[in-house]
Every structure is written in structure tokens, then in C-alpha cells.
C-alpha atoms as a PDB file:
ATOM      1  CA  UNK A   1      19.540  81.136 -57.968  1.00  0.00           C
ATOM      2  CA  UNK A   2      16.178  81.552 -55.840  1.00  0.00           C
ATOM      3  CA  UNK A   3      18.235  82.031 -52.528  1.00  0.00           C
ATOM      4  CA  UNK A   4      20.056  84.895 -54.223  1.00  0.00           C
ATOM      5  CA  UNK A   5      16.784  86.926 -55.223  1.00  0.00           C
ATOM      6  CA  UNK A   6      15.535  86.214 -51.953  1.00  0.00           C
ATOM      7  CA  UNK A   7      18.262  87.879 -50.112  1.00  0.00           C
ATOM      8  CA  UNK A   8      18.832  90.637 -52.336  1.00  0.00           C
ATOM      9  CA  UNK A   9      14.884  91.524 -52.303  1.00  0.00           C
ATOM     10  CA  UNK A  10      15.165  91.584 -47.955  1.00  0.00           C
ATOM     11  CA  UNK A  11      18.275  93.669 -47.920  1.00  0.00           C
ATOM     12  CA  UNK A  12      16.922  97.022 -46.641  1.00  0.00           C
ATOM     13  CA  UNK A  13      17.725  99.652 -49.777  1.00  0.00           C
ATOM     14  CA  UNK A  14      20.359 102.312 -49.007  1.00  0.00           C
ATOM     15  CA  UNK A  15      19.555 105.711 -50.327  1.00  0.00           C
ATOM     16  CA  UNK A  16      21.494 107.389 -52.214  1.00  0.00           C
ATOM     17  CA  UNK A  17      23.285 111.167 -51.250  1.00  0.00           C
ATOM     18  CA  UNK A  18      21.398 112.841 -53.386  1.00  0.00           C
ATOM     19  CA  UNK A  19      18.008 111.348 -51.358  1.00  0.00           C
ATOM     20  CA  UNK A  20      19.510 111.461 -48.011  1.00  0.00           C
ATOM     21  CA  UNK A  21      19.965 115.475 -48.647  1.00  0.00           C
ATOM     22  CA  UNK A  22      16.813 115.360 -49.926  1.00  0.00           C
ATOM     23  CA  UNK A  23      15.423 114.063 -47.077  1.00  0.00           C
ATOM     24  CA  UNK A  24      17.737 116.047 -44.476  1.00  0.00           C
ATOM     25  CA  UNK A  25      16.387 119.313 -46.388  1.00  0.00           C
ATOM     26  CA  UNK A  26      12.576 118.369 -45.820  1.00  0.00           C
ATOM     27  CA  UNK A  27      12.611 117.462 -42.315  1.00  0.00           C
ATOM     28  CA  UNK A  28      14.780 120.954 -41.839  1.00  0.00           C
ATOM     29  CA  UNK A  29      12.294 123.092 -43.486  1.00  0.00           C
ATOM     30  CA  UNK A  30       9.487 121.229 -41.570  1.00  0.00           C
ATOM     31  CA  UNK A  31      11.517 122.125 -38.300  1.00  0.00           C
ATOM     32  CA  UNK A  32      11.811 125.324 -38.892  1.00  0.00           C
ATOM     33  CA  UNK A  33       7.994 125.610 -39.807  1.00  0.00           C
ATOM     34  CA  UNK A  34       7.195 123.910 -36.371  1.00  0.00           C
ATOM     35  CA  UNK A  35       9.417 126.481 -35.084  1.00  0.00           C
ATOM     36  CA  UNK A  36       7.225 129.418 -36.491  1.00  0.00           C
ATOM     37  CA  UNK A  37       4.656 128.444 -36.274  1.00  0.00           C
ATOM     38  CA  UNK A  38       4.680 127.946 -32.007  1.00  0.00           C
ATOM     39  CA  UNK A  39       6.755 131.189 -31.899  1.00  0.00           C
ATOM     40  CA  UNK A  40       3.675 132.953 -33.567  1.00  0.00           C
ATOM     41  CA  UNK A  41       1.122 131.177 -31.145  1.00  0.00           C
ATOM     42  CA  UNK A  42       2.961 132.560 -27.935  1.00  0.00           C
ATOM     43  CA  UNK A  43       3.498 136.133 -29.931  1.00  0.00           C
ATOM     44  CA  UNK A  44      -0.662 135.683 -29.848  1.00  0.00           C
ATOM     45  CA  UNK A  45      -0.965 134.817 -26.832  1.00  0.00           C
ATOM     46  CA  UNK A  46       1.027 137.065 -25.500  1.00  0.00           C
ATOM     47  CA  UNK A  47      -0.538 140.151 -27.649  1.00  0.00           C
ATOM     48  CA  UNK A  48      -3.992 138.809 -25.859  1.00  0.00           C
ATOM     49  CA  UNK A  49      -2.654 138.989 -22.908  1.00  0.00           C
ATOM     50  CA  UNK A  50      -1.519 142.081 -22.961  1.00  0.00           C
ATOM     51  CA  UNK A  51      -4.615 143.698 -24.360  1.00  0.00           C
ATOM     52  CA  UNK A  52      -6.576 142.186 -21.262  1.00  0.00           C
ATOM     53  CA  UNK A  53      -3.662 143.652 -18.765  1.00  0.00           C
ATOM     54  CA  UNK A  54      -4.500 147.219 -20.715  1.00  0.00           C
ATOM     55  CA  UNK A  55      -8.634 147.233 -20.267  1.00  0.00           C
ATOM     56  CA  UNK A  56      -8.674 146.352 -16.725  1.00  0.00           C
ATOM     57  CA  UNK A  57      -5.674 149.004 -16.170  1.00  0.00           C
ATOM     58  CA  UNK A  58      -7.761 151.727 -17.789  1.00  0.00           C
ATOM     59  CA  UNK A  59     -10.972 150.129 -15.933  1.00  0.00           C
ATOM     60  CA  UNK A  60      -9.173 150.342 -12.747  1.00  0.00           C
ATOM     61  CA  UNK A  61      -8.088 153.754 -13.276  1.00  0.00           C
ATOM     62  CA  UNK A  62     -11.839 154.903 -14.041  1.00  0.00           C
ATOM     63  CA  UNK A  63     -13.149 153.238 -11.322  1.00  0.00           C
ATOM     64  CA  UNK A  64     -10.376 154.941  -9.066  1.00  0.00           C
ATOM     65  CA  UNK A  65     -11.569 158.365 -10.603  1.00  0.00           C
ATOM     66  CA  UNK A  66     -15.194 157.340  -9.401  1.00  0.00           C
ATOM     67  CA  UNK A  67     -14.580 156.458  -6.444  1.00  0.00           C
ATOM     68  CA  UNK A  68     -12.739 159.717  -5.256  1.00  0.00           C
ATOM     69  CA  UNK A  69     -15.083 161.938  -6.958  1.00  0.00           C
ATOM     70  CA  UNK A  70     -17.690 160.221  -5.756  1.00  0.00           C
ATOM     71  CA  UNK A  71     -20.106 160.593  -9.137  1.00  0.00           C
ATOM     72  CA  UNK A  72     -21.709 157.810 -10.600  1.00  0.00           C
ATOM     73  CA  UNK A  73     -24.128 155.442  -9.939  1.00  0.00           C
ATOM     74  CA  UNK A  74     -24.425 152.977  -6.694  1.00  0.00           C
ATOM     75  CA  UNK A  75     -24.265 150.036  -9.313  1.00  0.00           C
ATOM     76  CA  UNK A  76     -20.832 151.708 -10.416  1.00  0.00           C
ATOM     77  CA  UNK A  77     -19.489 152.188  -7.097  1.00  0.00           C
ATOM     78  CA  UNK A  78     -20.159 148.779  -6.031  1.00  0.00           C
ATOM     79  CA  UNK A  79     -18.591 147.763  -9.362  1.00  0.00           C
ATOM     80  CA  UNK A  80     -15.990 150.065  -8.834  1.00  0.00           C
ATOM     81  CA  UNK A  81     -15.328 148.782  -5.183  1.00  0.00           C
ATOM     82  CA  UNK A  82     -14.956 145.207  -5.947  1.00  0.00           C
ATOM     83  CA  UNK A  83     -12.944 145.679  -8.382  1.00  0.00           C
ATOM     84  CA  UNK A  84     -10.435 147.446  -7.089  1.00  0.00           C
ATOM     85  CA  UNK A  85     -10.362 144.795  -3.974  1.00  0.00           C
ATOM     86  CA  UNK A  86      -9.844 141.686  -6.609  1.00  0.00           C
ATOM     87  CA  UNK A  87      -6.940 143.773  -8.295  1.00  0.00           C
ATOM     88  CA  UNK A  88      -5.293 145.558  -5.959  1.00  0.00           C
ATOM     89  CA  UNK A  89      -2.105 147.849  -6.822  1.00  0.00           C
END
């Protein structure tokens, strides 16, 4: 009798159908949340890059007008010439 009890205790317990469904739903929800988090982070990174690109584009336009009109100080001219050398069209 004692051997039968130890054999029953050593066997892994099988999950019933309801427990399996709950575990599956939990796994699916966790994967969906992970996917949403990754998607959100990629969108945020794309928005940061887009903002940086727009700022650089505005600076290039400003510098192009400063150099073409010959207006502004010497420091602005140096800044603009270096910027246009760094980011050519």
C-alpha cells in the first residue's frame, strides 16, 4: 500500500481541460501585450526620428537662405556652412 501512495505522488498531475484553456488564454494575452508594447516602442522611435528629420530640414532651409542672402553674423555663416557640408542634399 505504501508503494502505491509514493507512485501516485511521483506521477505528474495532468491539467484538466478548463485549466488548459485558462493557461492558453493567459499565454495568448501575454503575447498580445508583448506585441503591442514592441509596436508602441517602434512607433515612438519612428516619431523621434521624424521629428529630428523635420528639425534638420528646417535648419538646412534656414541656412540655405542665410548663405544665399549673405545675411547674418560670421558665426551663423560658419554654422550654416558646416551644417550644409555635413548634411548635403
